[in-house]
């Protein structure tokens, strides 16, 4: 049996899920942050929800992606990246490519 807190949590997440898809993806980001910060699996009211086997973060990520696709006309994608953002993504690319160039991570050497 679900507690009132668990039902309230599920109702808020369902509301944010559908608002993310049909209204704006920002509501999905709010829902994802709620899932991350509250962590229902670690709460007393979240134990019955844990046995359902639902991965809330994956569902909310899916809602965000669908929201971006369905609401692409509402979202302004024309903003260009600033120099600092370009340098950040260059750093991420270099870190990712360094994994292939050197084989193992130092902690995996053995």
Protein backbone atom coordinates (compact mmCIF):
# COMPACT_ATOMS: atom_id res chain seq x y z
CA UNK A 1 0.00 0.00 0.00
CA UNK A 2 1.31 3.43 -0.90
CA UNK A 3 1.60 6.16 1.68
CA UNK A 4 0.17 9.60 1.02
CA UNK A 5 3.69 10.94 0.52
CA UNK A 6 4.41 8.29 -2.11
CA UNK A 7 1.18 9.05 -3.93
CA UNK A 8 1.93 12.77 -3.80
CA UNK A 9 5.42 12.14 -5.20
CA UNK A 10 4.04 10.00 -8.03
CA UNK A 11 1.34 12.53 -8.89
CA UNK A 12 3.87 15.38 -9.06
CA UNK A 13 6.16 13.31 -11.28
CA UNK A 14 3.33 12.29 -13.62
CA UNK A 15 2.24 15.92 -13.88
CA UNK A 16 5.80 17.09 -14.63
CA UNK A 17 6.26 14.21 -17.09
CA UNK A 18 3.29 15.25 -19.22
CA UNK A 19 4.00 18.98 -18.86
CA UNK A 20 7.51 18.30 -20.12
CA UNK A 21 6.19 16.57 -23.21
CA UNK A 22 3.28 18.82 -24.09
CA UNK A 23 4.14 22.24 -22.64
CA UNK A 24 7.92 22.79 -22.30
CA UNK A 25 10.93 20.52 -21.58
CA UNK A 26 11.94 22.72 -18.66
CA UNK A 27 9.30 20.99 -16.53
CA UNK A 28 11.11 17.71 -17.15
CA UNK A 29 14.34 19.22 -15.92
CA UNK A 30 12.55 20.26 -12.73
CA UNK A 31 11.22 16.71 -12.39
CA UNK A 32 14.67 15.24 -12.92
CA UNK A 33 16.10 17.48 -10.20
CA UNK A 34 13.32 16.42 -7.84
CA UNK A 35 14.10 12.76 -8.50
CA UNK A 36 17.83 13.35 -8.00
CA UNK A 37 17.49 15.31 -4.77
CA UNK A 38 14.70 13.38 -3.08
CA UNK A 39 15.80 9.88 -4.14
CA UNK A 40 12.61 7.95 -3.45
CA UNK A 41 14.47 4.65 -3.03
CA UNK A 42 16.14 5.97 0.12
CA UNK A 43 12.93 7.23 1.76
CA UNK A 44 10.53 5.26 3.94
CA UNK A 45 7.66 6.07 1.60
CA UNK A 46 9.67 5.06 -1.47
CA UNK A 47 10.15 1.41 -0.59
CA UNK A 48 6.84 0.27 -2.14
CA UNK A 49 7.74 2.31 -5.23
CA UNK A 50 11.12 0.60 -5.38
CA UNK A 51 9.50 -2.81 -5.88
CA UNK A 52 7.70 -1.51 -8.97
CA UNK A 53 11.07 -1.45 -10.75
CA UNK A 54 10.50 1.93 -12.37
CA UNK A 55 13.55 4.01 -13.23
CA UNK A 56 12.23 7.51 -12.79
CA UNK A 57 15.31 9.26 -14.15
CA UNK A 58 15.15 7.35 -17.44
CA UNK A 59 11.46 8.12 -17.87
CA UNK A 60 11.99 11.80 -17.12
CA UNK A 61 14.93 11.92 -19.56
CA UNK A 62 12.68 10.40 -22.20
CA UNK A 63 10.04 13.04 -21.46
CA UNK A 64 12.64 15.80 -21.82
CA UNK A 65 13.79 14.42 -25.18
CA UNK A 66 10.21 14.09 -26.44
CA UNK A 67 9.48 17.59 -25.19
CA UNK A 68 12.40 18.97 -27.17
CA UNK A 69 11.19 17.19 -30.30
CA UNK A 70 7.53 18.16 -29.97
CA UNK A 71 8.15 21.74 -28.80
CA UNK A 72 11.05 22.60 -31.07
CA UNK A 73 9.20 25.65 -32.39
CA UNK A 74 8.92 27.13 -28.89
CA UNK A 75 12.61 26.67 -28.11
CA UNK A 76 15.21 29.00 -29.55
CA UNK A 77 18.14 26.96 -30.82
CA UNK A 78 19.73 29.81 -32.75
CA UNK A 79 21.97 30.93 -29.90
CA UNK A 80 25.61 30.40 -30.80
CA UNK A 81 28.18 28.94 -28.48
CA UNK A 82 30.49 31.39 -26.77
CA UNK A 83 34.25 30.88 -26.78
CA UNK A 84 34.25 29.46 -23.25
CA UNK A 85 31.58 26.90 -24.19
CA UNK A 86 33.55 25.89 -27.29
CA UNK A 87 36.67 25.42 -25.18
CA UNK A 88 34.71 23.34 -22.67
CA UNK A 89 33.43 20.98 -25.39
CA UNK A 90 36.92 20.81 -26.86
CA UNK A 91 38.20 19.72 -23.43
CA UNK A 92 35.46 17.09 -23.17
CA UNK A 93 36.38 15.81 -26.64
CA UNK A 94 40.10 15.63 -25.77
CA UNK A 95 39.34 13.75 -22.55
CA UNK A 96 37.07 11.33 -24.40
CA UNK A 97 39.60 10.75 -27.21
CA UNK A 98 42.46 10.25 -24.75
CA UNK A 99 40.70 7.11 -23.55
CA UNK A 100 41.25 5.50 -26.94
CA UNK A 101 44.80 6.70 -27.41
CA UNK A 102 46.29 5.38 -24.20
CA UNK A 103 44.37 2.20 -23.64
CA UNK A 104 43.60 1.86 -19.98
CA UNK A 105 42.98 4.31 -17.23
CA UNK A 106 45.86 4.47 -14.71
CA UNK A 107 43.67 2.87 -12.04
CA UNK A 108 43.00 -0.10 -14.38
CA UNK A 109 46.69 -0.85 -15.00
CA UNK A 110 47.72 -4.01 -13.34
